[in-house]
């Protein structure tokens, strides 16, 4: 892992999310809630359309952390699910962007504040990671 220093801005990572990704995630996770694949069901419960699984969105944040830290051991990963990632029924999908800033490096641990957005809106609240430094 390249050395992290407090204050480092980490290069934003962008991930396309399509309906096909949601189907694959549903199969891997066992979460077949129809809000993740049916526009009819999603809109019937006042969602703007099919939404990505919250844990899938959080996994994208973890993927960015792994990229920045060359796969360092993750000691903590957390967030609040604040806004949905609406995924259109096309082959393009949407882009989830993950940015990060190293908040501290001490006692062999690096704390990273994350910003996870889609279409300019924050989709995860207070996302953070702590990795072994």
N, C-alpha and C. Protein backbone atom coordinates (compact mmCIF):
# COMPACT_ATOMS: atom_id res chain seq x y z
N UNK A 1 0.86 -1.18 0.00
CA UNK A 1 0.00 0.00 0.00
C UNK A 1 0.90 1.23 0.00
N UNK A 2 0.55 2.17 -0.86
CA UNK A 2 1.28 3.43 -0.83
C UNK A 2 0.90 4.18 0.45
N UNK A 3 1.83 4.91 0.99
CA UNK A 3 1.64 5.58 2.27
C UNK A 3 0.50 6.60 2.19
N UNK A 4 -0.35 6.55 3.18
CA UNK A 4 -1.43 7.53 3.30
C UNK A 4 -1.02 8.55 4.35
N UNK A 5 -1.38 9.79 4.10
CA UNK A 5 -1.11 10.86 5.05
C UNK A 5 -2.39 11.63 5.32
N UNK A 6 -2.54 12.10 6.54
CA UNK A 6 -3.71 12.90 6.89
C UNK A 6 -3.82 14.08 5.92
N UNK A 7 -5.02 14.30 5.43
CA UNK A 7 -5.27 15.39 4.50
C UNK A 7 -5.23 14.97 3.04
N UNK A 8 -4.71 13.78 2.75
CA UNK A 8 -4.66 13.32 1.35
C UNK A 8 -6.06 13.24 0.76
N UNK A 9 -6.23 13.83 -0.42
CA UNK A 9 -7.46 13.66 -1.20
C UNK A 9 -7.21 12.48 -2.13
N UNK A 10 -8.10 11.50 -2.08
CA UNK A 10 -7.93 10.29 -2.87
C UNK A 10 -8.69 10.43 -4.18
N UNK A 11 -8.09 9.95 -5.26
CA UNK A 11 -8.67 10.11 -6.59
C UNK A 11 -10.07 9.49 -6.65
N UNK A 12 -11.07 10.28 -7.05
CA UNK A 12 -12.44 9.75 -7.13
C UNK A 12 -12.51 8.53 -8.05
N UNK A 13 -13.33 7.58 -7.63
CA UNK A 13 -13.58 6.37 -8.41
C UNK A 13 -15.03 6.42 -8.87
N UNK A 14 -15.28 6.00 -10.11
CA UNK A 14 -16.64 6.00 -10.63
C UNK A 14 -17.02 4.60 -11.09
N UNK A 15 -18.26 4.21 -10.75
CA UNK A 15 -18.75 2.88 -11.06
C UNK A 15 -20.12 2.99 -11.72
N UNK A 16 -20.24 2.41 -12.91
CA UNK A 16 -21.54 2.35 -13.58
C UNK A 16 -22.37 1.25 -12.91
N UNK A 17 -23.65 1.54 -12.72
CA UNK A 17 -24.57 0.58 -12.13
C UNK A 17 -25.75 0.42 -13.09
N UNK A 18 -25.97 -0.80 -13.54
CA UNK A 18 -27.08 -1.10 -14.45
C UNK A 18 -28.06 -2.05 -13.78
N UNK A 19 -29.21 -2.24 -14.41
CA UNK A 19 -30.17 -3.20 -13.89
C UNK A 19 -29.57 -4.61 -13.87
N UNK A 20 -28.74 -4.92 -14.85
CA UNK A 20 -28.09 -6.24 -14.86
C UNK A 20 -27.23 -6.42 -13.61
N UNK A 21 -26.56 -5.35 -13.16
CA UNK A 21 -25.77 -5.43 -11.93
C UNK A 21 -26.67 -5.73 -10.74
N UNK A 22 -27.86 -5.13 -10.72
CA UNK A 22 -28.79 -5.36 -9.61
C UNK A 22 -29.26 -6.81 -9.59
N UNK A 23 -29.49 -7.38 -10.76
CA UNK A 23 -29.90 -8.78 -10.83
C UNK A 23 -28.78 -9.69 -10.30
N UNK A 24 -27.56 -9.41 -10.71
CA UNK A 24 -26.43 -10.22 -10.23
C UNK A 24 -26.26 -10.07 -8.71
N UNK A 25 -26.40 -8.85 -8.21
CA UNK A 25 -26.27 -8.63 -6.78
C UNK A 25 -27.38 -9.35 -6.03
N UNK A 26 -28.60 -9.29 -6.55
CA UNK A 26 -29.71 -9.99 -5.90
C UNK A 26 -29.42 -11.48 -5.78
N UNK A 27 -28.89 -12.06 -6.84
CA UNK A 27 -28.56 -13.48 -6.80
C UNK A 27 -27.47 -13.79 -5.79
N UNK A 28 -26.47 -12.94 -5.71
CA UNK A 28 -25.36 -13.17 -4.79
C UNK A 28 -25.78 -12.95 -3.34
N UNK A 29 -26.65 -11.97 -3.11
CA UNK A 29 -27.02 -11.60 -1.73
C UNK A 29 -28.28 -12.30 -1.23
N UNK A 30 -29.10 -12.78 -2.17
CA UNK A 30 -30.38 -13.36 -1.77
C UNK A 30 -31.46 -12.31 -1.54
N UNK A 31 -31.18 -11.05 -1.84
CA UNK A 31 -32.16 -9.97 -1.66
C UNK A 31 -32.91 -9.75 -2.96
N UNK A 32 -34.06 -10.40 -3.08
CA UNK A 32 -34.87 -10.31 -4.29
C UNK A 32 -36.05 -9.36 -4.13
N UNK A 33 -35.95 -8.39 -3.23
CA UNK A 33 -37.03 -7.41 -3.04
C UNK A 33 -37.33 -6.77 -4.39
N UNK A 34 -38.58 -6.76 -4.82
CA UNK A 34 -38.91 -6.25 -6.15
C UNK A 34 -38.66 -4.75 -6.36
N UNK A 35 -38.39 -3.99 -5.30
CA UNK A 35 -38.03 -2.58 -5.52
C UNK A 35 -36.70 -2.46 -6.24
N UNK A 36 -35.95 -3.58 -6.30
CA UNK A 36 -34.66 -3.59 -6.97
C UNK A 36 -34.73 -4.10 -8.40
N UNK A 37 -35.96 -4.43 -8.89
CA UNK A 37 -36.07 -4.88 -10.28
C UNK A 37 -37.39 -4.54 -10.96
N UNK A 38 -38.40 -4.12 -10.21
CA UNK A 38 -39.72 -3.85 -10.80
C UNK A 38 -40.10 -2.38 -10.63
N UNK A 39 -40.20 -1.67 -11.75
CA UNK A 39 -40.66 -0.27 -11.68
C UNK A 39 -42.06 -0.18 -11.08
N UNK A 40 -42.92 -1.12 -11.42
CA UNK A 40 -44.29 -1.11 -10.93
C UNK A 40 -44.31 -1.17 -9.40
N UNK A 41 -43.56 -2.07 -8.83
CA UNK A 41 -43.52 -2.20 -7.37
C UNK A 41 -42.82 -1.01 -6.75
N UNK A 42 -41.70 -0.61 -7.31
CA UNK A 42 -40.96 0.53 -6.74
C UNK A 42 -41.82 1.79 -6.69
N UNK A 43 -42.49 2.10 -7.77
CA UNK A 43 -43.31 3.32 -7.78
C UNK A 43 -44.55 3.17 -6.91
N UNK A 44 -45.03 1.94 -6.70
CA UNK A 44 -46.21 1.74 -5.85
C UNK A 44 -45.91 2.02 -4.38
N UNK A 45 -44.62 2.02 -4.02
CA UNK A 45 -44.24 2.33 -2.63
C UNK A 45 -43.54 3.69 -2.56
N UNK A 46 -43.87 4.55 -3.53
CA UNK A 46 -43.43 5.95 -3.56
C UNK A 46 -41.94 6.15 -3.84
N UNK A 47 -41.30 5.16 -4.44
CA UNK A 47 -39.92 5.37 -4.90
C UNK A 47 -39.97 5.93 -6.31
N UNK A 48 -38.93 6.63 -6.73
CA UNK A 48 -38.93 7.21 -8.08
C UNK A 48 -38.71 6.19 -9.19
N UNK A 49 -38.41 4.97 -8.83
CA UNK A 49 -38.16 3.89 -9.79
C UNK A 49 -37.33 2.83 -9.09
N UNK A 50 -36.86 1.87 -9.86
CA UNK A 50 -36.02 0.80 -9.31
C UNK A 50 -34.78 1.41 -8.68
N UNK A 51 -34.43 0.93 -7.49
CA UNK A 51 -33.26 1.46 -6.79
C UNK A 51 -32.25 0.35 -6.54
N UNK A 52 -30.99 0.75 -6.46
CA UNK A 52 -29.92 -0.18 -6.13
C UNK A 52 -30.04 -0.59 -4.67
N UNK A 53 -29.60 -1.78 -4.36
CA UNK A 53 -29.53 -2.25 -2.98
C UNK A 53 -28.58 -1.33 -2.22
N UNK A 54 -28.96 -0.94 -1.02
CA UNK A 54 -28.08 -0.10 -0.21
C UNK A 54 -26.73 -0.75 0.04
N UNK A 55 -26.73 -2.05 0.31
CA UNK A 55 -25.47 -2.75 0.57
C UNK A 55 -24.62 -2.84 -0.69
N UNK A 56 -25.24 -2.85 -1.86
CA UNK A 56 -24.47 -2.83 -3.11
C UNK A 56 -23.76 -1.48 -3.24
N UNK A 57 -24.47 -0.41 -2.93
CA UNK A 57 -23.87 0.93 -2.97
C UNK A 57 -22.71 1.02 -1.98
N UNK A 58 -22.91 0.47 -0.79
CA UNK A 58 -21.84 0.47 0.21
C UNK A 58 -20.65 -0.37 -0.27
N UNK A 59 -20.93 -1.45 -0.96
CA UNK A 59 -19.85 -2.29 -1.50
C UNK A 59 -19.02 -1.52 -2.53
N UNK A 60 -19.66 -0.63 -3.28
CA UNK A 60 -18.90 0.18 -4.23
C UNK A 60 -17.93 1.11 -3.49
N UNK A 61 -18.39 1.63 -2.34
CA UNK A 61 -17.49 2.45 -1.52
C UNK A 61 -16.31 1.61 -1.03
N UNK A 62 -16.58 0.38 -0.63
CA UNK A 62 -15.51 -0.51 -0.18
C UNK A 62 -14.55 -0.83 -1.32
N UNK A 63 -15.09 -0.96 -2.52
CA UNK A 63 -14.24 -1.21 -3.69
C UNK A 63 -13.28 -0.05 -3.92
N UNK A 64 -13.76 1.17 -3.76
CA UNK A 64 -12.89 2.34 -3.91
C UNK A 64 -11.80 2.33 -2.84
N UNK A 65 -12.17 2.00 -1.61
CA UNK A 65 -11.19 1.94 -0.53
C UNK A 65 -10.11 0.91 -0.86
N UNK A 66 -10.52 -0.24 -1.35
CA UNK A 66 -9.56 -1.28 -1.73
C UNK A 66 -8.63 -0.78 -2.83
N UNK A 67 -9.18 -0.04 -3.77
CA UNK A 67 -8.38 0.50 -4.87
C UNK A 67 -7.34 1.49 -4.35
N UNK A 68 -7.75 2.37 -3.47
CA UNK A 68 -6.85 3.39 -2.93
C UNK A 68 -5.74 2.81 -2.06
N UNK A 69 -6.05 1.69 -1.38
CA UNK A 69 -5.13 1.17 -0.37
C UNK A 69 -4.46 -0.14 -0.79
N UNK A 70 -4.57 -0.47 -2.06
CA UNK A 70 -4.00 -1.73 -2.56
C UNK A 70 -4.50 -2.94 -1.76
N UNK A 71 -5.78 -2.89 -1.39
CA UNK A 71 -6.39 -4.03 -0.71
C UNK A 71 -6.03 -4.18 0.76
N UNK A 72 -5.69 -3.08 1.41
CA UNK A 72 -5.37 -3.14 2.84
C UNK A 72 -6.54 -3.70 3.63
N UNK A 73 -6.24 -4.31 4.76
CA UNK A 73 -7.28 -4.87 5.62
C UNK A 73 -8.23 -3.76 6.07
N UNK A 74 -9.52 -3.97 5.87
CA UNK A 74 -10.53 -3.01 6.31
C UNK A 74 -10.92 -3.37 7.74
N UNK A 75 -10.73 -2.42 8.65
CA UNK A 75 -11.04 -2.63 10.05
C UNK A 75 -12.45 -2.16 10.40
N UNK A 76 -12.89 -1.12 9.72
CA UNK A 76 -14.23 -0.57 9.93
C UNK A 76 -14.75 -0.04 8.60
N UNK A 77 -16.05 -0.18 8.38
CA UNK A 77 -16.71 0.39 7.21
C UNK A 77 -18.14 0.68 7.64
N UNK A 78 -18.56 1.92 7.47
CA UNK A 78 -19.90 2.26 7.92
C UNK A 78 -20.49 3.42 7.15
N UNK A 79 -21.83 3.51 7.21
CA UNK A 79 -22.55 4.62 6.59
C UNK A 79 -24.01 4.56 7.02
N UNK A 80 -24.73 5.57 6.62
CA UNK A 80 -26.19 5.58 6.72
C UNK A 80 -26.71 5.63 5.30
N UNK A 81 -27.81 4.94 5.04
CA UNK A 81 -28.41 4.97 3.71
C UNK A 81 -29.38 6.14 3.67
N UNK A 82 -29.00 7.20 2.94
CA UNK A 82 -29.76 8.44 3.00
C UNK A 82 -30.59 8.73 1.76
N UNK A 83 -30.11 8.38 0.59
CA UNK A 83 -30.84 8.62 -0.66
C UNK A 83 -30.67 7.43 -1.58
N UNK A 84 -31.72 7.09 -2.32
CA UNK A 84 -31.62 5.93 -3.20
C UNK A 84 -30.81 6.23 -4.46
N UNK A 85 -30.21 5.17 -5.00
CA UNK A 85 -29.56 5.22 -6.31
C UNK A 85 -30.59 4.66 -7.29
N UNK A 86 -31.21 5.54 -8.07
CA UNK A 86 -32.24 5.13 -9.02
C UNK A 86 -31.55 4.66 -10.29
N UNK A 87 -31.89 3.44 -10.71
CA UNK A 87 -31.22 2.81 -11.85
C UNK A 87 -32.23 2.67 -12.99
N UNK A 88 -32.00 3.39 -14.10
CA UNK A 88 -32.94 3.35 -15.21
C UNK A 88 -32.92 2.00 -15.94
N UNK A 89 -33.99 1.73 -16.65
CA UNK A 89 -34.11 0.49 -17.43
C UNK A 89 -33.51 0.70 -18.81
N UNK A 90 -32.20 0.79 -18.86
CA UNK A 90 -31.48 0.92 -20.13
C UNK A 90 -30.14 0.20 -19.99
N UNK A 91 -29.32 0.25 -20.98
CA UNK A 91 -28.02 -0.44 -20.92
C UNK A 91 -26.90 0.45 -20.39
N UNK A 92 -27.24 1.69 -20.04
CA UNK A 92 -26.23 2.64 -19.58
C UNK A 92 -26.19 2.71 -18.05
N UNK A 93 -27.35 2.75 -17.43
CA UNK A 93 -27.44 2.83 -15.98
C UNK A 93 -27.08 4.21 -15.46
N UNK A 94 -26.55 4.25 -14.24
CA UNK A 94 -26.13 5.48 -13.60
C UNK A 94 -24.71 5.30 -13.09
N UNK A 95 -24.09 6.41 -12.72
CA UNK A 95 -22.73 6.35 -12.20
C UNK A 95 -22.74 6.72 -10.72
N UNK A 96 -22.15 5.86 -9.92
CA UNK A 96 -21.92 6.15 -8.51
C UNK A 96 -20.46 6.58 -8.38
N UNK A 97 -20.26 7.73 -7.76
CA UNK A 97 -18.92 8.30 -7.62
C UNK A 97 -18.51 8.25 -6.15
N UNK A 98 -17.31 7.77 -5.90
CA UNK A 98 -16.80 7.66 -4.54
C UNK A 98 -15.52 8.48 -4.44
N UNK A 99 -15.53 9.46 -3.55
CA UNK A 99 -14.35 10.29 -3.28
C UNK A 99 -13.95 10.05 -1.83
N UNK A 100 -12.71 10.33 -1.52
CA UNK A 100 -12.26 10.11 -0.15
C UNK A 100 -11.18 11.07 0.28
N UNK A 101 -11.13 11.30 1.57
CA UNK A 101 -10.10 12.12 2.19
C UNK A 101 -9.58 11.40 3.42
N UNK A 102 -8.27 11.30 3.52
CA UNK A 102 -7.67 10.67 4.70
C UNK A 102 -7.79 11.65 5.86
N UNK A 103 -8.47 11.23 6.90
CA UNK A 103 -8.67 12.11 8.05
C UNK A 103 -7.55 11.98 9.07
N UNK A 104 -7.04 10.77 9.25
CA UNK A 104 -5.95 10.57 10.22
C UNK A 104 -5.22 9.28 9.91
N UNK A 105 -3.96 9.26 10.32
CA UNK A 105 -3.16 8.04 10.26
C UNK A 105 -2.40 7.97 11.57
N UNK A 106 -2.78 6.99 12.40
CA UNK A 106 -2.12 6.84 13.70
C UNK A 106 -2.35 5.43 14.22
N UNK A 107 -1.41 4.96 14.99
CA UNK A 107 -1.49 3.63 15.61
C UNK A 107 -1.76 2.53 14.58
N UNK A 108 -1.17 2.66 13.40
CA UNK A 108 -1.32 1.63 12.38
C UNK A 108 -2.67 1.59 11.71
N UNK A 109 -3.43 2.67 11.85
CA UNK A 109 -4.78 2.74 11.26
C UNK A 109 -4.93 4.04 10.49
N UNK A 110 -5.57 3.95 9.34
CA UNK A 110 -5.88 5.15 8.55
C UNK A 110 -7.39 5.29 8.47
N UNK A 111 -7.90 6.45 8.89
CA UNK A 111 -9.33 6.75 8.82
C UNK A 111 -9.60 7.55 7.56
N UNK A 112 -10.58 7.10 6.78
CA UNK A 112 -10.90 7.75 5.51
C UNK A 112 -12.37 8.17 5.53
N UNK A 113 -12.59 9.47 5.32
CA UNK A 113 -13.95 9.99 5.15
C UNK A 113 -14.30 9.84 3.68
N UNK A 114 -15.47 9.32 3.40
CA UNK A 114 -15.91 9.08 2.03
C UNK A 114 -17.03 10.02 1.66
N UNK A 115 -17.16 10.26 0.37
CA UNK A 115 -18.32 10.97 -0.17
C UNK A 115 -18.81 10.14 -1.33
N UNK A 116 -20.04 9.62 -1.21
CA UNK A 116 -20.61 8.73 -2.22
C UNK A 116 -21.82 9.44 -2.82
N UNK A 117 -21.74 9.70 -4.12
CA UNK A 117 -22.79 10.48 -4.80
C UNK A 117 -23.26 9.79 -6.07
N UNK A 118 -24.44 10.18 -6.49
CA UNK A 118 -25.00 9.76 -7.77
C UNK A 118 -25.76 10.95 -8.33
N UNK A 119 -25.44 11.33 -9.54
CA UNK A 119 -26.05 12.52 -10.16
C UNK A 119 -25.91 13.75 -9.27
N UNK A 120 -24.78 13.86 -8.58
CA UNK A 120 -24.49 15.02 -7.76
C UNK A 120 -25.12 15.01 -6.38
N UNK A 121 -25.94 14.01 -6.06
CA UNK A 121 -26.59 13.93 -4.75
C UNK A 121 -25.89 12.89 -3.88
N UNK A 122 -25.69 13.23 -2.62
CA UNK A 122 -25.10 12.27 -1.69
C UNK A 122 -26.09 11.12 -1.47
N UNK A 123 -25.61 9.89 -1.61
CA UNK A 123 -26.48 8.73 -1.43
C UNK A 123 -26.17 7.95 -0.16
N UNK A 124 -25.00 8.18 0.41
CA UNK A 124 -24.67 7.58 1.70
C UNK A 124 -24.33 8.69 2.67
N UNK A 125 -24.86 8.60 3.88
CA UNK A 125 -24.59 9.59 4.90
C UNK A 125 -23.46 9.13 5.80
N UNK A 126 -22.56 10.02 6.09
CA UNK A 126 -21.42 9.79 6.98
C UNK A 126 -20.65 8.51 6.66
N UNK A 127 -20.38 8.24 5.38
CA UNK A 127 -19.61 7.02 5.06
C UNK A 127 -18.15 7.18 5.48
N UNK A 128 -17.62 6.11 6.05
CA UNK A 128 -16.24 6.16 6.51
C UNK A 128 -15.64 4.76 6.47
N UNK A 129 -14.33 4.74 6.40
CA UNK A 129 -13.60 3.47 6.45
C UNK A 129 -12.37 3.66 7.31
N UNK A 130 -11.97 2.60 7.96
CA UNK A 130 -10.70 2.56 8.69
C UNK A 130 -9.97 1.33 8.18
N UNK A 131 -8.74 1.54 7.73
CA UNK A 131 -7.94 0.43 7.20
C UNK A 131 -6.63 0.33 7.98
N UNK A 132 -6.04 -0.84 7.92
CA UNK A 132 -4.73 -1.01 8.53
C UNK A 132 -3.72 -0.27 7.67
N UNK A 133 -2.95 0.61 8.28
CA UNK A 133 -1.98 1.42 7.54
C UNK A 133 -0.61 0.81 7.59
